[in-house]
Amino acid sequence: SNHDETITSLILNEKDDKIREDIKFLPIKVAEVFPNLLQYSATFCAIQTVRKENFLHLKKLQKLKLFSNKIKTINEDSFTDLTSLIDLNLSNNLIENISPKLFENLRQLRFLHLGKNQLKALPQNIFSKLPRLTFLWLNGNQLMALEDGVFDKNFKLKLIDLRKNPIGSVRESIFGGLIEKRKLYLLENVQLV
């Protein structure tokens, strides 16, 4: 049968020095063939769109690497089934907008890489359903400002990288009552007011 329960890792492109222009789409129905995937990597490809069908029923997946693609569109229900996901890497893509619902089911997520994209704004409550979020990379985007309360539910946050964004200043209160905890805010030219 074309069904393998022993495979826990799937890598679509092993090379990290050359973009695979021929890989433009993520496969669908992956879980039907590899139901026990823990790690899934599709990096340095030419993928432009991410949809729910790409990750259907991958309930055990813990690590998803989609960095260094040409991803512009991520449907808001794309990650609905990834309830065990701990590490999501979407860095170095062309993402301009993120749906407020995108991360809603990722309650185990600890590492979220959104650096080196084209994000101009973050929807309010975008991180509110991520109680375990610990490391957040937002560096190298087009963020002009951060909404008050954007990190209010992220009590575990230890690192927020906001370097290389055109943010002028952020209110200290944005980091909640947690500013005295040992945290690292990589802000560069940003002023805390």
N, C-alpha and C. Protein backbone atom coordinates (compact mmCIF):
# COMPACT_ATOMS: atom_id res chain seq x y z
N SER A 1 0.84 -1.19 0.00
CA SER A 1 0.00 0.00 0.00
C SER A 1 0.88 1.25 0.00
N ASN A 2 0.35 2.35 -0.48
CA ASN A 2 1.12 3.60 -0.51
C ASN A 2 0.87 4.39 0.77
N HIS A 3 1.21 3.77 1.89
CA HIS A 3 0.90 4.32 3.20
C HIS A 3 2.04 3.89 4.12
N ASP A 4 2.78 4.84 4.66
CA ASP A 4 3.94 4.47 5.47
C ASP A 4 3.91 5.15 6.83
N GLU A 5 3.65 4.36 7.87
CA GLU A 5 3.54 4.92 9.22
C GLU A 5 4.89 5.12 9.88
N THR A 6 5.96 4.57 9.27
CA THR A 6 7.27 4.67 9.91
C THR A 6 7.97 6.00 9.59
N ILE A 7 7.58 6.64 8.52
CA ILE A 7 8.24 7.89 8.12
C ILE A 7 7.75 9.05 8.98
N THR A 8 8.69 9.75 9.62
CA THR A 8 8.31 10.87 10.49
C THR A 8 8.85 12.21 9.97
N SER A 9 9.65 12.17 8.91
CA SER A 9 10.24 13.40 8.41
C SER A 9 10.11 13.47 6.89
N LEU A 10 9.68 14.62 6.39
CA LEU A 10 9.53 14.81 4.94
C LEU A 10 10.25 16.09 4.54
N ILE A 11 11.17 15.96 3.58
CA ILE A 11 11.94 17.10 3.10
C ILE A 11 11.76 17.20 1.59
N LEU A 12 11.20 18.32 1.11
CA LEU A 12 10.94 18.47 -0.32
C LEU A 12 12.17 18.94 -1.10
N ASN A 13 13.07 19.63 -0.43
CA ASN A 13 14.27 20.10 -1.11
C ASN A 13 15.43 20.07 -0.13
N GLU A 14 16.44 19.24 -0.41
CA GLU A 14 17.55 19.11 0.52
C GLU A 14 18.61 20.18 0.33
N LYS A 15 18.62 20.81 -0.82
CA LYS A 15 19.64 21.81 -1.10
C LYS A 15 19.27 23.14 -0.44
N ASP A 16 20.25 23.79 0.17
CA ASP A 16 19.94 25.09 0.76
C ASP A 16 20.78 26.19 0.09
N ASP A 17 21.31 25.88 -1.08
CA ASP A 17 22.10 26.89 -1.77
C ASP A 17 21.48 27.24 -3.13
N LYS A 18 20.43 26.52 -3.49
CA LYS A 18 19.84 26.72 -4.80
C LYS A 18 18.32 26.61 -4.70
N ILE A 19 17.64 27.62 -5.25
CA ILE A 19 16.17 27.61 -5.25
C ILE A 19 15.68 26.59 -6.27
N ARG A 20 14.77 25.74 -5.83
CA ARG A 20 14.14 24.78 -6.75
C ARG A 20 12.93 25.46 -7.39
N GLU A 21 13.14 26.08 -8.55
CA GLU A 21 12.06 26.81 -9.23
C GLU A 21 10.95 25.87 -9.70
N ASP A 22 11.25 24.57 -9.82
CA ASP A 22 10.24 23.62 -10.31
C ASP A 22 9.25 23.21 -9.23
N ILE A 23 9.57 23.46 -7.96
CA ILE A 23 8.63 23.12 -6.89
C ILE A 23 7.80 24.37 -6.56
N LYS A 24 6.64 24.45 -7.22
CA LYS A 24 5.80 25.65 -7.08
C LYS A 24 4.61 25.42 -6.16
N PHE A 25 4.30 24.16 -5.88
CA PHE A 25 3.13 23.84 -5.08
C PHE A 25 3.48 22.84 -3.99
N LEU A 26 2.84 22.99 -2.85
CA LEU A 26 2.95 21.98 -1.80
C LEU A 26 1.99 20.84 -2.14
N PRO A 27 2.38 19.61 -1.89
CA PRO A 27 1.47 18.49 -2.18
C PRO A 27 0.24 18.51 -1.27
N ILE A 28 -0.81 17.84 -1.70
CA ILE A 28 -2.00 17.70 -0.86
C ILE A 28 -2.12 16.23 -0.42
N LYS A 29 -2.94 15.99 0.56
CA LYS A 29 -3.19 14.63 1.07
C LYS A 29 -1.92 13.93 1.56
N VAL A 30 -1.00 14.69 2.10
CA VAL A 30 0.26 14.13 2.60
C VAL A 30 0.00 13.13 3.72
N ALA A 31 -0.97 13.43 4.58
CA ALA A 31 -1.24 12.56 5.73
C ALA A 31 -1.76 11.18 5.32
N GLU A 32 -2.34 11.09 4.13
CA GLU A 32 -2.80 9.77 3.67
C GLU A 32 -1.64 8.84 3.41
N VAL A 33 -0.50 9.41 3.04
CA VAL A 33 0.69 8.60 2.76
C VAL A 33 1.59 8.51 3.99
N PHE A 34 1.77 9.65 4.66
CA PHE A 34 2.65 9.72 5.84
C PHE A 34 1.86 10.23 7.04
N PRO A 35 1.08 9.37 7.68
CA PRO A 35 0.19 9.85 8.76
C PRO A 35 0.92 10.28 10.03
N ASN A 36 2.17 9.86 10.20
CA ASN A 36 2.87 10.13 11.46
C ASN A 36 4.00 11.16 11.33
N LEU A 37 3.88 12.05 10.37
CA LEU A 37 4.93 13.06 10.20
C LEU A 37 5.08 13.93 11.45
N LEU A 38 6.35 14.11 11.86
CA LEU A 38 6.67 15.01 12.96
C LEU A 38 7.35 16.27 12.43
N GLN A 39 8.09 16.11 11.31
CA GLN A 39 8.81 17.24 10.72
C GLN A 39 8.53 17.29 9.23
N TYR A 40 8.33 18.51 8.74
CA TYR A 40 8.02 18.70 7.33
C TYR A 40 8.76 19.95 6.89
N SER A 41 9.58 19.78 5.86
CA SER A 41 10.39 20.89 5.39
C SER A 41 10.23 21.07 3.88
N ALA A 42 9.84 22.29 3.48
CA ALA A 42 9.76 22.65 2.06
C ALA A 42 10.38 24.04 1.95
N THR A 43 11.71 24.08 1.89
CA THR A 43 12.43 25.35 1.90
C THR A 43 13.18 25.54 0.58
N PHE A 44 13.52 26.79 0.27
CA PHE A 44 14.25 27.11 -0.97
C PHE A 44 13.55 26.53 -2.19
N CYS A 45 12.23 26.70 -2.22
CA CYS A 45 11.43 26.31 -3.37
C CYS A 45 10.77 27.57 -3.93
N ALA A 46 9.80 27.39 -4.82
CA ALA A 46 9.12 28.54 -5.42
C ALA A 46 7.63 28.54 -5.05
N ILE A 47 7.33 28.02 -3.87
CA ILE A 47 5.95 27.93 -3.41
C ILE A 47 5.37 29.33 -3.17
N GLN A 48 4.16 29.57 -3.67
CA GLN A 48 3.55 30.89 -3.56
C GLN A 48 2.32 30.93 -2.65
N THR A 49 1.63 29.79 -2.56
CA THR A 49 0.36 29.75 -1.83
C THR A 49 0.35 28.57 -0.86
N VAL A 50 -0.22 28.80 0.31
CA VAL A 50 -0.37 27.74 1.31
C VAL A 50 -1.86 27.61 1.61
N ARG A 51 -2.34 26.34 1.56
CA ARG A 51 -3.77 26.09 1.78
C ARG A 51 -3.97 24.97 2.79
N LYS A 52 -5.18 24.88 3.31
CA LYS A 52 -5.50 23.85 4.30
C LYS A 52 -5.21 22.44 3.76
N GLU A 53 -5.49 22.23 2.48
CA GLU A 53 -5.29 20.89 1.87
C GLU A 53 -3.84 20.41 1.97
N ASN A 54 -2.92 21.34 2.10
CA ASN A 54 -1.50 20.96 2.19
C ASN A 54 -1.16 20.28 3.51
N PHE A 55 -1.94 20.56 4.56
CA PHE A 55 -1.58 20.05 5.89
C PHE A 55 -2.72 19.32 6.58
N LEU A 56 -3.69 18.88 5.81
CA LEU A 56 -4.85 18.18 6.35
C LEU A 56 -4.45 16.95 7.16
N HIS A 57 -5.00 16.83 8.35
CA HIS A 57 -4.83 15.64 9.22
C HIS A 57 -3.40 15.40 9.69
N LEU A 58 -2.52 16.38 9.59
CA LEU A 58 -1.15 16.18 10.10
C LEU A 58 -1.11 16.58 11.58
N LYS A 59 -1.90 15.85 12.35
CA LYS A 59 -2.13 16.20 13.76
C LYS A 59 -0.89 16.02 14.64
N LYS A 60 0.08 15.23 14.19
CA LYS A 60 1.27 14.98 15.01
C LYS A 60 2.43 15.90 14.67
N LEU A 61 2.29 16.64 13.59
CA LEU A 61 3.41 17.47 13.10
C LEU A 61 3.86 18.47 14.17
N GLN A 62 5.17 18.49 14.43
CA GLN A 62 5.72 19.39 15.45
C GLN A 62 6.55 20.52 14.84
N LYS A 63 7.13 20.27 13.68
CA LYS A 63 8.03 21.26 13.08
C LYS A 63 7.67 21.44 11.61
N LEU A 64 7.40 22.69 11.22
CA LEU A 64 7.09 22.98 9.82
C LEU A 64 7.97 24.12 9.34
N LYS A 65 8.81 23.80 8.34
CA LYS A 65 9.73 24.79 7.79
C LYS A 65 9.32 25.14 6.37
N LEU A 66 8.93 26.39 6.17
CA LEU A 66 8.55 26.87 4.83
C LEU A 66 9.34 28.13 4.47
N PHE A 67 10.52 28.27 5.07
CA PHE A 67 11.28 29.50 4.81
C PHE A 67 11.92 29.50 3.42
N SER A 68 12.24 30.71 2.96
CA SER A 68 12.91 30.90 1.66
C SER A 68 12.11 30.31 0.50
N ASN A 69 10.86 30.74 0.41
CA ASN A 69 10.01 30.43 -0.73
C ASN A 69 9.54 31.76 -1.33
N LYS A 70 8.43 31.71 -2.06
CA LYS A 70 7.85 32.94 -2.62
C LYS A 70 6.42 33.08 -2.14
N ILE A 71 6.19 32.63 -0.90
CA ILE A 71 4.84 32.59 -0.35
C ILE A 71 4.30 34.01 -0.17
N LYS A 72 3.15 34.24 -0.79
CA LYS A 72 2.48 35.53 -0.68
C LYS A 72 1.14 35.38 0.03
N THR A 73 0.50 34.24 -0.23
CA THR A 73 -0.85 34.00 0.30
C THR A 73 -0.85 32.77 1.20
N ILE A 74 -1.39 32.95 2.41
CA ILE A 74 -1.61 31.82 3.32
C ILE A 74 -3.08 31.86 3.69
N ASN A 75 -3.85 30.89 3.21
CA ASN A 75 -5.28 30.85 3.55
C ASN A 75 -5.45 30.74 5.06
N GLU A 76 -6.49 31.38 5.58
CA GLU A 76 -6.60 31.51 7.04
C GLU A 76 -6.80 30.18 7.76
N ASP A 77 -7.25 29.15 7.03
CA ASP A 77 -7.46 27.84 7.69
C ASP A 77 -6.32 26.87 7.39
N SER A 78 -5.22 27.37 6.83
CA SER A 78 -4.12 26.50 6.41
C SER A 78 -3.57 25.60 7.51
N PHE A 79 -3.48 26.13 8.73
CA PHE A 79 -2.81 25.40 9.81
C PHE A 79 -3.80 24.81 10.83
N THR A 80 -5.08 24.76 10.47
CA THR A 80 -6.12 24.34 11.40
C THR A 80 -5.84 22.98 12.05
N ASP A 81 -5.31 22.04 11.30
CA ASP A 81 -5.11 20.67 11.82
C ASP A 81 -3.79 20.48 12.56
N LEU A 82 -2.93 21.49 12.55
CA LEU A 82 -1.58 21.31 13.10
C LEU A 82 -1.54 21.60 14.61
N THR A 83 -2.36 20.85 15.34
CA THR A 83 -2.56 21.14 16.77
C THR A 83 -1.37 20.76 17.64
N SER A 84 -0.39 20.01 17.10
CA SER A 84 0.81 19.65 17.87
C SER A 84 2.02 20.50 17.51
N LEU A 85 1.83 21.43 16.58
CA LEU A 85 2.97 22.20 16.06
C LEU A 85 3.66 23.02 17.15
N ILE A 86 4.99 22.90 17.20
CA ILE A 86 5.81 23.61 18.18
C ILE A 86 6.62 24.71 17.50
N ASP A 87 7.04 24.45 16.26
CA ASP A 87 7.97 25.35 15.57
C ASP A 87 7.45 25.60 14.15
N LEU A 88 7.15 26.87 13.84
CA LEU A 88 6.66 27.24 12.51
C LEU A 88 7.58 28.30 11.93
N ASN A 89 8.21 27.97 10.80
CA ASN A 89 9.15 28.91 10.19
C ASN A 89 8.64 29.35 8.82
N LEU A 90 8.20 30.62 8.75
CA LEU A 90 7.69 31.22 7.51
C LEU A 90 8.59 32.36 7.05
N SER A 91 9.82 32.40 7.55
CA SER A 91 10.68 33.55 7.25
C SER A 91 11.18 33.54 5.80
N ASN A 92 11.60 34.71 5.37
CA ASN A 92 12.16 34.91 4.03
C ASN A 92 11.18 34.52 2.93
N ASN A 93 9.99 35.11 3.00
CA ASN A 93 8.97 34.93 1.98
C ASN A 93 8.46 36.30 1.55
N LEU A 94 7.29 36.35 0.95
CA LEU A 94 6.74 37.62 0.45
C LEU A 94 5.39 37.93 1.11
N ILE A 95 5.23 37.48 2.36
CA ILE A 95 3.95 37.60 3.05
C ILE A 95 3.68 39.06 3.43
N GLU A 96 2.55 39.59 2.96
CA GLU A 96 2.17 40.97 3.26
C GLU A 96 1.09 41.04 4.33
N ASN A 97 0.18 40.06 4.31
CA ASN A 97 -0.96 40.06 5.23
C ASN A 97 -1.10 38.69 5.89
N ILE A 98 -1.52 38.74 7.14
CA ILE A 98 -1.79 37.51 7.88
C ILE A 98 -3.21 37.62 8.42
N SER A 99 -4.00 36.58 8.22
CA SER A 99 -5.35 36.57 8.77
C SER A 99 -5.29 36.48 10.29
N PRO A 100 -6.20 37.17 10.99
CA PRO A 100 -6.23 37.09 12.46
C PRO A 100 -6.47 35.66 12.95
N LYS A 101 -7.03 34.80 12.09
CA LYS A 101 -7.35 33.42 12.50
C LYS A 101 -6.24 32.43 12.20
N LEU A 102 -5.19 32.87 11.52
CA LEU A 102 -4.19 31.93 10.99
C LEU A 102 -3.59 31.00 12.04
N PHE A 103 -3.28 31.53 13.22
CA PHE A 103 -2.57 30.73 14.23
C PHE A 103 -3.51 30.18 15.30
N GLU A 104 -4.82 30.29 15.07
CA GLU A 104 -5.80 30.02 16.12
C GLU A 104 -5.69 28.65 16.80
N ASN A 105 -5.34 27.61 16.06
CA ASN A 105 -5.31 26.26 16.64
C ASN A 105 -3.93 25.81 17.11
N LEU A 106 -2.96 26.70 17.03
CA LEU A 106 -1.58 26.30 17.31
C LEU A 106 -1.22 26.54 18.78
N ARG A 107 -1.96 25.88 19.65
CA ARG A 107 -1.81 26.16 21.08
C ARG A 107 -0.51 25.64 21.69
N GLN A 108 0.18 24.75 20.96
CA GLN A 108 1.47 24.24 21.44
C GLN A 108 2.65 25.05 20.90
N LEU A 109 2.38 25.99 20.00
CA LEU A 109 3.46 26.68 19.29
C LEU A 109 4.37 27.46 20.23
N ARG A 110 5.68 27.24 20.09
CA ARG A 110 6.66 27.95 20.92
C ARG A 110 7.54 28.88 20.09
N PHE A 111 7.85 28.45 18.87
CA PHE A 111 8.76 29.21 18.01
C PHE A 111 8.00 29.66 16.76
N LEU A 112 7.96 30.97 16.53
CA LEU A 112 7.27 31.49 15.36
C LEU A 112 8.20 32.45 14.62
N HIS A 113 8.60 32.02 13.42
CA HIS A 113 9.54 32.79 12.60
C HIS A 113 8.76 33.49 11.48
N LEU A 114 8.65 34.82 11.58
CA LEU A 114 7.97 35.60 10.55
C LEU A 114 8.91 36.66 9.97
N GLY A 115 10.19 36.55 10.25
CA GLY A 115 11.16 37.54 9.80
C GLY A 115 11.33 37.54 8.29
N LYS A 116 11.84 38.66 7.77
CA LYS A 116 12.15 38.81 6.35
C LYS A 116 10.95 38.52 5.46
N ASN A 117 9.85 39.21 5.76
CA ASN A 117 8.66 39.18 4.91
C ASN A 117 8.30 40.63 4.56
N GLN A 118 7.06 40.85 4.14
CA GLN A 118 6.63 42.20 3.76
C GLN A 118 5.49 42.68 4.66
N LEU A 119 5.45 42.18 5.88
CA LEU A 119 4.35 42.53 6.78
C LEU A 119 4.35 44.01 7.12
N LYS A 120 3.22 44.67 6.87
CA LYS A 120 3.10 46.10 7.17
C LYS A 120 2.38 46.32 8.49
N ALA A 121 1.53 45.37 8.87
CA ALA A 121 0.77 45.49 10.12
C ALA A 121 0.45 44.09 10.63
N LEU A 122 0.20 44.01 11.92
CA LEU A 122 -0.22 42.74 12.53
C LEU A 122 -1.66 42.90 13.00
N PRO A 123 -2.53 41.96 12.66
CA PRO A 123 -3.91 42.07 13.15
C PRO A 123 -3.94 41.98 14.67
N GLN A 124 -4.89 42.70 15.27
CA GLN A 124 -5.03 42.60 16.72
C GLN A 124 -5.42 41.16 17.06
N ASN A 125 -4.95 40.68 18.17
CA ASN A 125 -5.23 39.30 18.64
C ASN A 125 -4.55 38.22 17.79
N ILE A 126 -3.64 38.60 16.91
CA ILE A 126 -2.98 37.61 16.05
C ILE A 126 -2.27 36.53 16.88
N PHE A 127 -1.72 36.92 18.04
CA PHE A 127 -0.97 35.96 18.87
C PHE A 127 -1.75 35.51 20.10
N SER A 128 -3.02 35.93 20.22
CA SER A 128 -3.75 35.72 21.48
C SER A 128 -4.08 34.27 21.77
N LYS A 129 -4.08 33.40 20.74
CA LYS A 129 -4.39 31.98 20.98
C LYS A 129 -3.12 31.14 21.07
N LEU A 130 -1.99 31.80 21.33
CA LEU A 130 -0.70 31.09 21.40
C LEU A 130 -0.12 31.21 22.81
N PRO A 131 -0.71 30.47 23.77
CA PRO A 131 -0.29 30.63 25.17
C PRO A 131 1.15 30.21 25.44
N ARG A 132 1.72 29.35 24.58
CA ARG A 132 3.08 28.86 24.83
C ARG A 132 4.15 29.57 24.01
N LEU A 133 3.74 30.56 23.22
CA LEU A 133 4.70 31.26 22.36
C LEU A 133 5.84 31.82 23.19
N THR A 134 7.08 31.42 22.84
CA THR A 134 8.26 31.80 23.62
C THR A 134 9.23 32.65 22.83
N PHE A 135 9.39 32.33 21.54
CA PHE A 135 10.33 33.06 20.68
C PHE A 135 9.59 33.53 19.44
N LEU A 136 9.67 34.84 19.17
CA LEU A 136 8.95 35.43 18.05
C LEU A 136 9.89 36.32 17.25
N TRP A 137 10.05 35.97 15.98
CA TRP A 137 10.89 36.76 15.08
C TRP A 137 10.01 37.53 14.10
N LEU A 138 10.10 38.87 14.17
CA LEU A 138 9.36 39.74 13.26
C LEU A 138 10.33 40.68 12.53
N ASN A 139 11.62 40.36 12.62
CA ASN A 139 12.65 41.22 12.04
C ASN A 139 12.54 41.31 10.52
N GLY A 140 13.00 42.43 9.98
CA GLY A 140 13.08 42.57 8.52
C GLY A 140 11.73 42.60 7.83
N ASN A 141 10.75 43.27 8.43
CA ASN A 141 9.45 43.46 7.80
C ASN A 141 9.23 44.95 7.54
N GLN A 142 7.99 45.32 7.26
CA GLN A 142 7.65 46.73 7.00
C GLN A 142 6.76 47.28 8.11
N LEU A 143 6.87 46.71 9.31
CA LEU A 143 5.98 47.11 10.40
C LEU A 143 6.24 48.56 10.82
N MET A 144 5.18 49.36 10.78
CA MET A 144 5.28 50.77 11.16
C MET A 144 4.93 50.96 12.63
N ALA A 145 4.08 50.08 13.15
CA ALA A 145 3.61 50.24 14.53
C ALA A 145 3.16 48.89 15.06
N LEU A 146 3.02 48.81 16.37
CA LEU A 146 2.46 47.62 17.01
C LEU A 146 1.24 48.03 17.82
N GLU A 147 0.16 47.28 17.67
CA GLU A 147 -1.08 47.57 18.41
C GLU A 147 -0.86 47.36 19.91
N ASP A 148 -1.46 48.21 20.71
CA ASP A 148 -1.45 47.97 22.16
C ASP A 148 -2.13 46.63 22.42
N GLY A 149 -1.57 45.87 23.32
CA GLY A 149 -2.19 44.60 23.70
C GLY A 149 -1.86 43.45 22.79
N VAL A 150 -1.00 43.67 21.80
CA VAL A 150 -0.73 42.59 20.83
C VAL A 150 -0.08 41.37 21.49
N PHE A 151 0.66 41.57 22.60
CA PHE A 151 1.32 40.45 23.28
C PHE A 151 0.67 40.12 24.63
N ASP A 152 -0.53 40.66 24.88
CA ASP A 152 -1.14 40.55 26.21
C ASP A 152 -1.36 39.12 26.71
N LYS A 153 -1.58 38.18 25.80
CA LYS A 153 -1.86 36.80 26.24
C LYS A 153 -0.62 35.90 26.16
N ASN A 154 0.51 36.47 25.80
CA ASN A 154 1.72 35.66 25.59
C ASN A 154 2.66 35.73 26.79
N PHE A 155 2.24 35.09 27.87
CA PHE A 155 2.97 35.20 29.13
C PHE A 155 4.32 34.48 29.10
N LYS A 156 4.52 33.62 28.10
CA LYS A 156 5.77 32.86 28.06
C LYS A 156 6.84 33.51 27.18
N LEU A 157 6.48 34.59 26.49
CA LEU A 157 7.41 35.22 25.55
C LEU A 157 8.74 35.58 26.20
N LYS A 158 9.83 35.10 25.60
CA LYS A 158 11.16 35.43 26.10
C LYS A 158 11.93 36.30 25.13
N LEU A 159 11.62 36.16 23.85
CA LEU A 159 12.35 36.94 22.85
C LEU A 159 11.39 37.45 21.79
N ILE A 160 11.50 38.75 21.52
CA ILE A 160 10.76 39.36 20.41
C ILE A 160 11.79 40.11 19.58
N ASP A 161 11.99 39.69 18.35
CA ASP A 161 12.95 40.37 17.48
C ASP A 161 12.20 41.29 16.53
N LEU A 162 12.38 42.59 16.72
CA LEU A 162 11.70 43.60 15.89
C LEU A 162 12.71 44.41 15.06
N ARG A 163 13.94 43.90 14.97
CA ARG A 163 14.96 44.66 14.24
C ARG A 163 14.60 44.81 12.76
N LYS A 164 15.16 45.86 12.16
CA LYS A 164 14.96 46.14 10.73
C LYS A 164 13.49 46.25 10.34
N ASN A 165 12.77 47.05 11.12
CA ASN A 165 11.39 47.45 10.81
C ASN A 165 11.34 48.97 10.93
N PRO A 166 10.47 49.62 10.15
CA PRO A 166 10.39 51.09 10.25
C PRO A 166 9.54 51.58 11.42
N ILE A 167 9.53 50.84 12.53
CA ILE A 167 8.79 51.27 13.72
C ILE A 167 9.57 52.40 14.37
N GLY A 168 8.90 53.51 14.65
CA GLY A 168 9.58 54.62 15.30
C GLY A 168 9.69 54.42 16.79
N SER A 169 8.55 54.10 17.40
CA SER A 169 8.55 53.90 18.85
C SER A 169 7.46 52.92 19.22
N VAL A 170 7.65 52.25 20.33
CA VAL A 170 6.59 51.39 20.87
C VAL A 170 6.39 51.74 22.34
N ARG A 171 5.15 51.66 22.78
CA ARG A 171 4.86 51.91 24.19
C ARG A 171 5.37 50.74 25.01
N GLU A 172 5.99 51.07 26.11
CA GLU A 172 6.54 50.03 26.98
C GLU A 172 5.43 49.08 27.43
N SER A 173 4.22 49.61 27.57
CA SER A 173 3.10 48.81 28.05
C SER A 173 2.71 47.70 27.07
N ILE A 174 3.20 47.80 25.83
CA ILE A 174 2.87 46.77 24.83
C ILE A 174 3.41 45.41 25.26
N PHE A 175 4.46 45.43 26.05
CA PHE A 175 5.04 44.16 26.51
C PHE A 175 4.38 43.70 27.80
N GLY A 176 3.23 44.30 28.11
CA GLY A 176 2.43 43.87 29.24
C GLY A 176 3.12 44.12 30.57
N GLY A 177 2.69 43.42 31.59
CA GLY A 177 3.30 43.56 32.91
C GLY A 177 4.54 42.71 33.03
N LEU A 178 5.07 42.28 31.89
CA LEU A 178 6.15 41.29 31.92
C LEU A 178 7.51 41.91 31.65
N ILE A 179 7.54 43.24 31.60
CA ILE A 179 8.78 43.90 31.20
C ILE A 179 9.91 43.61 32.20
N GLU A 180 9.55 43.37 33.47
CA GLU A 180 10.60 43.14 34.47
C GLU A 180 11.16 41.71 34.39
N LYS A 181 10.44 40.82 33.73
CA LYS A 181 10.96 39.46 33.59
C LYS A 181 12.18 39.46 32.68
N ARG A 182 12.96 38.40 32.77
CA ARG A 182 14.16 38.35 31.94
C ARG A 182 13.76 38.06 30.51
N LYS A 183 13.65 39.11 29.73
CA LYS A 183 13.24 38.96 28.35
C LYS A 183 14.19 39.73 27.49
N LEU A 184 14.20 39.37 26.23
CA LEU A 184 15.07 40.04 25.30
C LEU A 184 14.20 40.68 24.23
N TYR A 185 14.23 42.00 24.17
CA TYR A 185 13.54 42.70 23.10
C TYR A 185 14.61 43.25 22.17
N LEU A 186 14.69 42.72 20.98
CA LEU A 186 15.67 43.20 20.03
C LEU A 186 15.01 44.29 19.22
N LEU A 187 15.32 45.52 19.57
CA LEU A 187 14.57 46.64 19.02
C LEU A 187 15.40 47.51 18.08
N GLU A 188 16.70 47.56 18.25
CA GLU A 188 17.56 48.42 17.43
C GLU A 188 17.14 49.88 17.58
N ASN A 189 16.73 50.52 16.47
CA ASN A 189 16.47 51.97 16.52
C ASN A 189 15.10 52.34 17.06
N VAL A 190 14.43 51.41 17.71
CA VAL A 190 13.08 51.68 18.19
C VAL A 190 13.16 52.27 19.60
N GLN A 191 12.38 53.30 19.84
CA GLN A 191 12.35 53.89 21.18
C GLN A 191 11.19 53.35 22.00
N LEU A 192 11.50 53.04 23.23
CA LEU A 192 10.44 52.67 24.17
C LEU A 192 9.92 53.94 24.81
N VAL A 193 8.60 54.16 24.71
CA VAL A 193 8.03 55.38 25.28
C VAL A 193 6.96 55.03 26.32
